Amino acid sequence: MIELRGIHGMGIIEDYAPIIYMDKKEPIKIKKVGYEIYTENGTKSKSFNRSFDFENYRGAVKVIEYAYYLDYDIQHLYDLEHIWIYIDEYDNIVGAEGSYHGRFLNALVPELTSFNKKDALGEEFFVKRGNSAEIVYPKGSKLIMYSQPGKHAMLCSPKVMYLYTELFESCGRLAGIHGLDAPERYLEDIHITDDENEKVVKYIRENFAFEPSMEFEEVSIPETDYMPWDELAEQIPVFIKDQLKTILD
């Protein structure tokens, strides 16, 4: 069994792992979760096209990156989504973000964000920072995030999903349209023809197209599905090859 306590501190990956809710009809499941901890402001992410700006979240001294791998986005083979949790020197959560179609959005939004709180008395509290007071969440509080049906963008509330124009169309009429669509770093020795890519399109459409219910339920992610990001990155090309073998053989 993979130990989540590791070199970064006692239980930090497990302590802050968000709770994920997915559509009740979601046909594509989270396969693995890679994690990385960054402690220097301005550091570039290993798995997402971004650098971290701790100054967006006053008091932040580190960020935990959770990278969720799924074999498919409803429109293509390969999917990688992210959630970032920002922590201060007292181990409180002071910020959070979720990936949104190649970008990222704030996940701590008044009246939208929800937490599985640490306890009934210490759910959240105000801290004084300069002339202002801010809400933070103590260690042990679990951020609840919602995965967009089919596309899997990680958001603080299902309400935010309606900003996406093709929320429903992407899961039906537009399912599979991009075929194999993964970063070049994972495709160095993977080459398919246009005809083979059309088979990928057809496979996704026939096997995964669905009508979202927009009713969400918590999904279970076993502890053994978490691993350091570098380990997951090595496995991704293997995962892609396995899916292509299923589709093309």
C-alpha atoms as a PDB file:
ATOM      1  CA  MET A   1       0.000   0.000   0.000  1.00  0.00           C
ATOM      2  CA  ILE A   2       1.335   3.449  -0.911  1.00  0.00           C
ATOM      3  CA  GLU A   3       2.100   5.575   2.126  1.00  0.00           C
ATOM      4  CA  LEU A   4       0.762   9.096   1.818  1.00  0.00           C
ATOM      5  CA  ARG A   5       2.826  10.403   4.705  1.00  0.00           C
ATOM      6  CA  GLY A   6       6.085  10.360   2.758  1.00  0.00           C
ATOM      7  CA  ILE A   7       8.937  12.845   2.890  1.00  0.00           C
ATOM      8  CA  HIS A   8       6.781  15.956   2.866  1.00  0.00           C
ATOM      9  CA  GLY A   9       5.321  15.546   6.360  1.00  0.00           C
ATOM     10  CA  MET A  10       3.017  13.361   8.382  1.00  0.00           C
ATOM     11  CA  GLY A  11      -0.056  12.721   6.331  1.00  0.00           C
ATOM     12  CA  ILE A  12      -0.038  16.020   4.442  1.00  0.00           C
ATOM     13  CA  ILE A  13      -1.216  14.533   1.127  1.00  0.00           C
ATOM     14  CA  GLU A  14      -4.006  12.609   2.797  1.00  0.00           C
ATOM     15  CA  ASP A  15      -4.899  15.416   5.203  1.00  0.00           C
ATOM     16  CA  TYR A  16      -5.633  17.899   2.432  1.00  0.00           C
ATOM     17  CA  ALA A  17      -6.904  15.594  -0.331  1.00  0.00           C
ATOM     18  CA  PRO A  18     -10.161  17.137  -1.660  1.00  0.00           C
ATOM     19  CA  ILE A  19     -13.424  15.231  -1.686  1.00  0.00           C
ATOM     20  CA  ILE A  20     -14.571  14.742  -5.291  1.00  0.00           C
ATOM     21  CA  TYR A  21     -18.158  14.583  -6.462  1.00  0.00           C
ATOM     22  CA  MET A  22     -19.031  13.347  -9.970  1.00  0.00           C
ATOM     23  CA  ASP A  23     -22.275  13.156 -11.931  1.00  0.00           C
ATOM     24  CA  LYS A  24     -24.299  10.059 -11.031  1.00  0.00           C
ATOM     25  CA  LYS A  25     -24.224   9.024 -14.696  1.00  0.00           C
ATOM     26  CA  GLU A  26     -20.514   9.777 -15.221  1.00  0.00           C
ATOM     27  CA  PRO A  27     -19.081   6.884 -17.303  1.00  0.00           C
ATOM     28  CA  ILE A  28     -15.382   7.778 -16.899  1.00  0.00           C
ATOM     29  CA  LYS A  29     -13.685   7.223 -13.570  1.00  0.00           C
ATOM     30  CA  ILE A  30     -10.576   8.716 -11.965  1.00  0.00           C
ATOM     31  CA  LYS A  31      -7.753   6.253 -12.540  1.00  0.00           C
ATOM     32  CA  LYS A  32      -4.823   7.680 -10.554  1.00  0.00           C
ATOM     33  CA  VAL A  33      -3.904  10.824  -8.625  1.00  0.00           C
ATOM     34  CA  GLY A  34      -0.411  12.279  -8.810  1.00  0.00           C
ATOM     35  CA  TYR A  35       0.749  14.706  -6.159  1.00  0.00           C
ATOM     36  CA  GLU A  36       3.512  17.270  -5.745  1.00  0.00           C
ATOM     37  CA  ILE A  37       4.288  19.888  -3.085  1.00  0.00           C
ATOM     38  CA  TYR A  38       5.802  23.261  -3.972  1.00  0.00           C
ATOM     39  CA  THR A  39       7.292  25.513  -1.309  1.00  0.00           C
ATOM     40  CA  GLU A  40       8.866  28.320  -3.349  1.00  0.00           C
ATOM     41  CA  ASN A  41       6.839  31.195  -4.743  1.00  0.00           C
ATOM     42  CA  GLY A  42       7.118  31.388  -8.537  1.00  0.00           C
ATOM     43  CA  THR A  43       7.874  27.701  -9.011  1.00  0.00           C
ATOM     44  CA  LYS A  44       6.580  26.154 -12.237  1.00  0.00           C
ATOM     45  CA  SER A  45       4.198  23.239 -12.018  1.00  0.00           C
ATOM     46  CA  LYS A  46       5.553  19.905 -13.232  1.00  0.00           C
ATOM     47  CA  SER A  47       2.256  18.850 -14.761  1.00  0.00           C
ATOM     48  CA  PHE A  48       0.350  22.019 -15.711  1.00  0.00           C
ATOM     49  CA  ASN A  49       1.278  25.080 -17.745  1.00  0.00           C
ATOM     50  CA  ARG A  50       1.516  27.561 -14.897  1.00  0.00           C
ATOM     51  CA  SER A  51       3.690  29.078 -12.186  1.00  0.00           C
ATOM     52  CA  PHE A  52       2.488  29.561  -8.616  1.00  0.00           C
ATOM     53  CA  ASP A  53       1.864  32.996  -7.145  1.00  0.00           C
ATOM     54  CA  PHE A  54       1.586  32.619  -3.387  1.00  0.00           C
ATOM     55  CA  GLU A  55       0.787  36.314  -3.033  1.00  0.00           C
ATOM     56  CA  ASN A  56      -2.702  35.658  -4.383  1.00  0.00           C
ATOM     57  CA  TYR A  57      -3.410  33.940  -1.057  1.00  0.00           C
ATOM     58  CA  ARG A  58      -2.040  35.923   1.834  1.00  0.00           C
ATOM     59  CA  GLY A  59      -0.016  33.801   4.213  1.00  0.00           C
ATOM     60  CA  ALA A  60       0.505  30.911   1.766  1.00  0.00           C
ATOM     61  CA  VAL A  61       3.854  29.164   2.167  1.00  0.00           C
ATOM     62  CA  LYS A  62       3.206  25.991   0.159  1.00  0.00           C
ATOM     63  CA  VAL A  63       0.805  24.505  -2.355  1.00  0.00           C
ATOM     64  CA  ILE A  64      -0.191  20.870  -2.784  1.00  0.00           C
ATOM     65  CA  GLU A  65      -0.924  19.900  -6.365  1.00  0.00           C
ATOM     66  CA  TYR A  66      -3.287  16.994  -7.010  1.00  0.00           C
ATOM     67  CA  ALA A  67      -3.275  15.765 -10.629  1.00  0.00           C
ATOM     68  CA  TYR A  68      -6.206  13.496 -11.510  1.00  0.00           C
ATOM     69  CA  TYR A  69      -5.646  11.140 -14.426  1.00  0.00           C
ATOM     70  CA  LEU A  70      -8.577   9.659 -16.359  1.00  0.00           C
ATOM     71  CA  ASP A  71      -8.266   7.530 -19.480  1.00  0.00           C
ATOM     72  CA  TYR A  72     -10.778   9.729 -21.300  1.00  0.00           C
ATOM     73  CA  ASP A  73     -12.299  13.151 -21.484  1.00  0.00           C
ATOM     74  CA  ILE A  74     -15.724  12.696 -23.106  1.00  0.00           C
ATOM     75  CA  GLN A  75     -14.226  14.266 -26.249  1.00  0.00           C
ATOM     76  CA  HIS A  76     -10.808  12.622 -26.414  1.00  0.00           C
ATOM     77  CA  LEU A  77      -8.478   9.878 -25.238  1.00  0.00           C
ATOM     78  CA  TYR A  78      -6.377  11.152 -22.278  1.00  0.00           C
ATOM     79  CA  ASP A  79      -7.425  13.526 -19.534  1.00  0.00           C
ATOM     80  CA  LEU A  80      -5.548  15.208 -16.686  1.00  0.00           C
ATOM     81  CA  GLU A  81      -7.258  17.568 -14.242  1.00  0.00           C
ATOM     82  CA  HIS A  82      -5.918  19.432 -11.220  1.00  0.00           C
ATOM     83  CA  ILE A  83      -6.756  20.835  -7.810  1.00  0.00           C
ATOM     84  CA  TRP A  84      -4.350  23.062  -5.865  1.00  0.00           C
ATOM     85  CA  ILE A  85      -4.528  23.607  -2.102  1.00  0.00           C
ATOM     86  CA  TYR A  86      -2.596  26.548  -0.592  1.00  0.00           C
ATOM     87  CA  ILE A  87      -1.474  26.290   3.043  1.00  0.00           C
ATOM     88  CA  ASP A  88      -0.080  28.813   5.515  1.00  0.00           C
ATOM     89  CA  GLU A  89       2.622  28.334   8.143  1.00  0.00           C
ATOM     90  CA  TYR A  90       0.001  27.180  10.669  1.00  0.00           C
ATOM     91  CA  ASP A  91      -1.265  24.400   8.353  1.00  0.00           C
ATOM     92  CA  ASN A  92      -4.524  26.231   7.567  1.00  0.00           C
ATOM     93  CA  ILE A  93      -6.038  26.249   4.085  1.00  0.00           C
ATOM     94  CA  VAL A  94      -5.856  29.798   2.749  1.00  0.00           C
ATOM     95  CA  GLY A  95      -6.540  29.211  -0.944  1.00  0.00           C
ATOM     96  CA  ALA A  96      -7.611  26.645  -3.528  1.00  0.00           C
ATOM     97  CA  GLU A  97      -7.985  26.365  -7.295  1.00  0.00           C
ATOM     98  CA  GLY A  98      -9.308  23.877  -9.806  1.00  0.00           C
ATOM     99  CA  SER A  99      -8.411  23.248 -13.450  1.00  0.00           C
ATOM    100  CA  TYR A 100     -10.858  24.527 -16.046  1.00  0.00           C
ATOM    101  CA  HIS A 101     -10.234  23.574 -19.687  1.00  0.00           C
ATOM    102  CA  GLY A 102      -6.537  24.466 -19.752  1.00  0.00           C
ATOM    103  CA  ARG A 103      -6.878  27.294 -17.250  1.00  0.00           C
ATOM    104  CA  PHE A 104      -7.665  27.412 -13.533  1.00  0.00           C
ATOM    105  CA  LEU A 105     -10.334  29.044 -11.389  1.00  0.00           C
ATOM    106  CA  ASN A 106     -10.531  30.075  -7.759  1.00  0.00           C
ATOM    107  CA  ALA A 107     -12.210  27.380  -5.667  1.00  0.00           C
ATOM    108  CA  LEU A 108     -12.897  29.429  -2.530  1.00  0.00           C
ATOM    109  CA  VAL A 109     -15.977  31.382  -3.578  1.00  0.00           C
ATOM    110  CA  PRO A 110     -18.427  32.836  -1.024  1.00  0.00           C
ATOM    111  CA  GLU A 111     -21.796  31.016  -1.017  1.00  0.00           C
ATOM    112  CA  LEU A 112     -20.509  28.396  -3.486  1.00  0.00           C
ATOM    113  CA  THR A 113     -17.579  26.623  -1.827  1.00  0.00           C
ATOM    114  CA  SER A 114     -18.233  23.831   0.651  1.00  0.00           C
ATOM    115  CA  PHE A 115     -15.992  21.938   3.047  1.00  0.00           C
ATOM    116  CA  ASN A 116     -16.272  18.791   5.085  1.00  0.00           C
ATOM    117  CA  LYS A 117     -15.342  20.681   8.235  1.00  0.00           C
ATOM    118  CA  LYS A 118     -12.819  19.522  10.796  1.00  0.00           C
ATOM    119  CA  ASP A 119     -15.268  19.727  13.695  1.00  0.00           C
ATOM    120  CA  ALA A 120     -18.463  21.458  14.757  1.00  0.00           C
ATOM    121  CA  LEU A 121     -16.750  24.198  16.773  1.00  0.00           C
ATOM    122  CA  GLY A 122     -13.717  24.972  14.655  1.00  0.00           C
ATOM    123  CA  GLU A 123     -15.261  24.881  11.200  1.00  0.00           C
ATOM    124  CA  GLU A 124     -13.570  28.051  10.054  1.00  0.00           C
ATOM    125  CA  PHE A 125     -12.143  31.120  11.661  1.00  0.00           C
ATOM    126  CA  PHE A 126     -10.961  34.629  10.956  1.00  0.00           C
ATOM    127  CA  VAL A 127      -7.308  35.585  11.039  1.00  0.00           C
ATOM    128  CA  LYS A 128      -5.967  39.105  11.169  1.00  0.00           C
ATOM    129  CA  ARG A 129      -3.625  39.960   8.305  1.00  0.00           C
ATOM    130  CA  GLY A 130      -2.639  43.606   8.347  1.00  0.00           C
ATOM    131  CA  ASN A 131      -5.789  45.682   8.372  1.00  0.00           C
ATOM    132  CA  SER A 132      -8.085  42.948   7.109  1.00  0.00           C
ATOM    133  CA  ALA A 133      -9.595  39.723   8.406  1.00  0.00           C
ATOM    134  CA  GLU A 134      -9.785  36.617   6.236  1.00  0.00           C
ATOM    135  CA  ILE A 135     -11.502  33.257   6.543  1.00  0.00           C
ATOM    136  CA  VAL A 136      -9.205  30.251   6.652  1.00  0.00           C
ATOM    137  CA  TYR A 137      -9.910  26.562   7.165  1.00  0.00           C
ATOM    138  CA  PRO A 138      -7.946  24.524   9.716  1.00  0.00           C
ATOM    139  CA  LYS A 139      -5.958  21.408   8.932  1.00  0.00           C
ATOM    140  CA  GLY A 140      -8.325  18.472   8.639  1.00  0.00           C
ATOM    141  CA  SER A 141     -10.955  20.423   6.709  1.00  0.00           C
ATOM    142  CA  LYS A 142     -11.656  18.766   3.367  1.00  0.00           C
ATOM    143  CA  LEU A 143     -12.450  20.896   0.327  1.00  0.00           C
ATOM    144  CA  ILE A 144     -15.383  19.536  -1.699  1.00  0.00           C
ATOM    145  CA  MET A 145     -14.981  19.839  -5.467  1.00  0.00           C
ATOM    146  CA  TYR A 146     -17.305  18.930  -8.332  1.00  0.00           C
ATOM    147  CA  SER A 147     -16.119  17.318 -11.556  1.00  0.00           C
ATOM    148  CA  GLN A 148     -17.835  18.603 -14.716  1.00  0.00           C
ATOM    149  CA  PRO A 149     -19.715  15.746 -16.397  1.00  0.00           C
ATOM    150  CA  GLY A 150     -17.605  14.136 -19.087  1.00  0.00           C
ATOM    151  CA  LYS A 151     -15.040  16.955 -19.262  1.00  0.00           C
ATOM    152  CA  HIS A 152     -13.976  16.714 -15.591  1.00  0.00           C
ATOM    153  CA  ALA A 153     -13.033  20.356 -14.942  1.00  0.00           C
ATOM    154  CA  MET A 154     -12.713  20.703 -11.158  1.00  0.00           C
ATOM    155  CA  LEU A 155     -15.082  23.332  -9.759  1.00  0.00           C
ATOM    156  CA  CYS A 156     -16.327  24.535  -6.393  1.00  0.00           C
ATOM    157  CA  SER A 157     -19.991  24.152  -7.338  1.00  0.00           C
ATOM    158  CA  PRO A 158     -22.137  22.620 -10.103  1.00  0.00           C
ATOM    159  CA  LYS A 159     -23.557  26.107 -10.653  1.00  0.00           C
ATOM    160  CA  VAL A 160     -20.259  27.191 -12.190  1.00  0.00           C
ATOM    161  CA  MET A 161     -20.529  24.448 -14.813  1.00  0.00           C
ATOM    162  CA  TYR A 162     -23.301  26.307 -16.607  1.00  0.00           C
ATOM    163  CA  LEU A 163     -20.743  28.889 -17.733  1.00  0.00           C
ATOM    164  CA  TYR A 164     -19.480  26.258 -20.175  1.00  0.00           C
ATOM    165  CA  THR A 165     -21.474  26.613 -23.400  1.00  0.00           C
ATOM    166  CA  GLU A 166     -21.244  22.948 -24.410  1.00  0.00           C
ATOM    167  CA  LEU A 167     -21.967  21.510 -20.967  1.00  0.00           C
ATOM    168  CA  PHE A 168     -24.485  19.017 -22.357  1.00  0.00           C
ATOM    169  CA  GLU A 169     -23.554  18.936 -26.046  1.00  0.00           C
ATOM    170  CA  SER A 170     -19.989  17.818 -25.305  1.00  0.00           C
ATOM    171  CA  CYS A 171     -21.366  14.648 -23.716  1.00  0.00           C
ATOM    172  CA  GLY A 172     -23.607  13.763 -26.650  1.00  0.00           C
ATOM    173  CA  ARG A 173     -23.469  15.311 -30.105  1.00  0.00           C
ATOM    174  CA  LEU A 174     -19.814  16.346 -29.690  1.00  0.00           C
ATOM    175  CA  ALA A 175     -18.547  13.264 -27.849  1.00  0.00           C
ATOM    176  CA  GLY A 176     -15.199  11.894 -29.039  1.00  0.00           C
ATOM    177  CA  ILE A 177     -14.563  14.591 -31.646  1.00  0.00           C
ATOM    178  CA  HIS A 178     -10.858  15.076 -30.823  1.00  0.00           C
ATOM    179  CA  GLY A 179      -9.816  11.412 -30.879  1.00  0.00           C
ATOM    180  CA  LEU A 180      -6.402  10.956 -29.283  1.00  0.00           C
ATOM    181  CA  ASP A 181      -5.447  14.308 -27.808  1.00  0.00           C
ATOM    182  CA  ALA A 182      -2.522  14.258 -25.369  1.00  0.00           C
ATOM    183  CA  PRO A 183       0.625  16.369 -24.833  1.00  0.00           C
ATOM    184  CA  GLU A 184       3.597  15.428 -26.999  1.00  0.00           C
ATOM    185  CA  ARG A 185       5.613  14.417 -23.934  1.00  0.00           C
ATOM    186  CA  TYR A 186       3.406  11.310 -23.622  1.00  0.00           C
ATOM    187  CA  LEU A 187       3.279  10.471 -27.338  1.00  0.00           C
ATOM    188  CA  GLU A 188       6.965  10.156 -28.227  1.00  0.00           C
ATOM    189  CA  ASP A 189       6.605   6.537 -29.340  1.00  0.00           C
ATOM    190  CA  ILE A 190       2.862   6.539 -29.996  1.00  0.00           C
ATOM    191  CA  HIS A 191       1.812   7.118 -33.610  1.00  0.00           C
ATOM    192  CA  ILE A 192      -1.611   6.457 -35.121  1.00  0.00           C
ATOM    193  CA  THR A 193      -3.058   7.100 -38.561  1.00  0.00           C
ATOM    194  CA  ASP A 194      -6.039   9.287 -39.366  1.00  0.00           C
ATOM    195  CA  ASP A 195      -8.141   6.163 -39.878  1.00  0.00           C
ATOM    196  CA  GLU A 196      -7.088   4.825 -36.490  1.00  0.00           C
ATOM    197  CA  ASN A 197      -7.904   8.148 -34.889  1.00  0.00           C
ATOM    198  CA  GLU A 198     -11.392   7.939 -36.387  1.00  0.00           C
ATOM    199  CA  LYS A 199     -11.750   4.603 -34.614  1.00  0.00           C
ATOM    200  CA  VAL A 200     -10.879   6.367 -31.351  1.00  0.00           C
ATOM    201  CA  VAL A 201     -13.569   8.971 -32.066  1.00  0.00           C
ATOM    202  CA  LYS A 202     -16.147   6.256 -32.744  1.00  0.00           C
ATOM    203  CA  TYR A 203     -15.124   4.228 -29.695  1.00  0.00           C
ATOM    204  CA  ILE A 204     -15.538   7.165 -27.319  1.00  0.00           C
ATOM    205  CA  ARG A 205     -18.887   8.144 -28.792  1.00  0.00           C
ATOM    206  CA  GLU A 206     -20.282   4.616 -28.711  1.00  0.00           C
ATOM    207  CA  ASN A 207     -19.011   3.748 -25.234  1.00  0.00           C
ATOM    208  CA  PHE A 208     -19.177   6.960 -23.233  1.00  0.00           C
ATOM    209  CA  ALA A 209     -21.725   9.392 -24.689  1.00  0.00           C
ATOM    210  CA  PHE A 210     -24.384  10.157 -22.071  1.00  0.00           C
ATOM    211  CA  GLU A 211     -26.824  12.775 -20.841  1.00  0.00           C
ATOM    212  CA  PRO A 212     -25.607  14.328 -17.566  1.00  0.00           C
ATOM    213  CA  SER A 213     -28.054  14.094 -14.685  1.00  0.00           C
ATOM    214  CA  MET A 214     -26.482  17.107 -12.922  1.00  0.00           C
ATOM    215  CA  GLU A 215     -26.938  15.140  -9.708  1.00  0.00           C
ATOM    216  CA  PHE A 216     -23.635  14.474  -7.993  1.00  0.00           C
ATOM    217  CA  GLU A 217     -22.298  11.856  -5.634  1.00  0.00           C
ATOM    218  CA  GLU A 218     -19.025  11.431  -3.791  1.00  0.00           C
ATOM    219  CA  VAL A 219     -16.533   9.094  -5.430  1.00  0.00           C
ATOM    220  CA  SER A 220     -14.147   6.875  -3.541  1.00  0.00           C
ATOM    221  CA  ILE A 221     -10.451   7.204  -4.389  1.00  0.00           C
ATOM    222  CA  PRO A 222      -8.421   4.440  -2.746  1.00  0.00           C
ATOM    223  CA  GLU A 223      -5.235   5.454  -0.966  1.00  0.00           C
ATOM    224  CA  THR A 224      -3.329   3.153  -3.321  1.00  0.00           C
ATOM    225  CA  ASP A 225      -4.368   5.314  -6.289  1.00  0.00           C
ATOM    226  CA  TYR A 226      -2.269   8.241  -5.019  1.00  0.00           C
ATOM    227  CA  MET A 227       1.360   8.458  -6.100  1.00  0.00           C
ATOM    228  CA  PRO A 228       4.139  11.044  -6.544  1.00  0.00           C
ATOM    229  CA  TRP A 229       3.663  12.965  -9.788  1.00  0.00           C
ATOM    230  CA  ASP A 230       6.887  11.691 -11.370  1.00  0.00           C
ATOM    231  CA  GLU A 231       5.668   8.107 -10.978  1.00  0.00           C
ATOM    232  CA  LEU A 232       2.315   8.892 -12.566  1.00  0.00           C
ATOM    233  CA  ALA A 233       3.974  10.751 -15.454  1.00  0.00           C
ATOM    234  CA  GLU A 234       5.927   7.596 -16.311  1.00  0.00           C
ATOM    235  CA  GLN A 235       2.745   5.521 -16.371  1.00  0.00           C
ATOM    236  CA  ILE A 236       0.626   7.790 -18.554  1.00  0.00           C
ATOM    237  CA  PRO A 237       2.099   6.622 -21.916  1.00  0.00           C
ATOM    238  CA  VAL A 238       1.436   3.040 -20.793  1.00  0.00           C
ATOM    239  CA  PHE A 239      -2.172   3.904 -19.972  1.00  0.00           C
ATOM    240  CA  ILE A 240      -2.630   5.484 -23.410  1.00  0.00           C
ATOM    241  CA  LYS A 241      -1.117   2.467 -25.174  1.00  0.00           C
ATOM    242  CA  ASP A 242      -3.389   0.116 -23.239  1.00  0.00           C
ATOM    243  CA  GLN A 243      -6.471   2.030 -24.379  1.00  0.00           C
ATOM    244  CA  LEU A 244      -5.299   2.118 -27.988  1.00  0.00           C
ATOM    245  CA  LYS A 245      -4.722  -1.619 -27.894  1.00  0.00           C
ATOM    246  CA  THR A 246      -8.303  -2.125 -26.722  1.00  0.00           C
ATOM    247  CA  ILE A 247      -9.662   0.159 -29.445  1.00  0.00           C
ATOM    248  CA  LEU A 248      -7.523  -0.828 -32.420  1.00  0.00           C
ATOM    249  CA  ASP A 249      -6.885  -4.547 -31.956  1.00  0.00           C
END
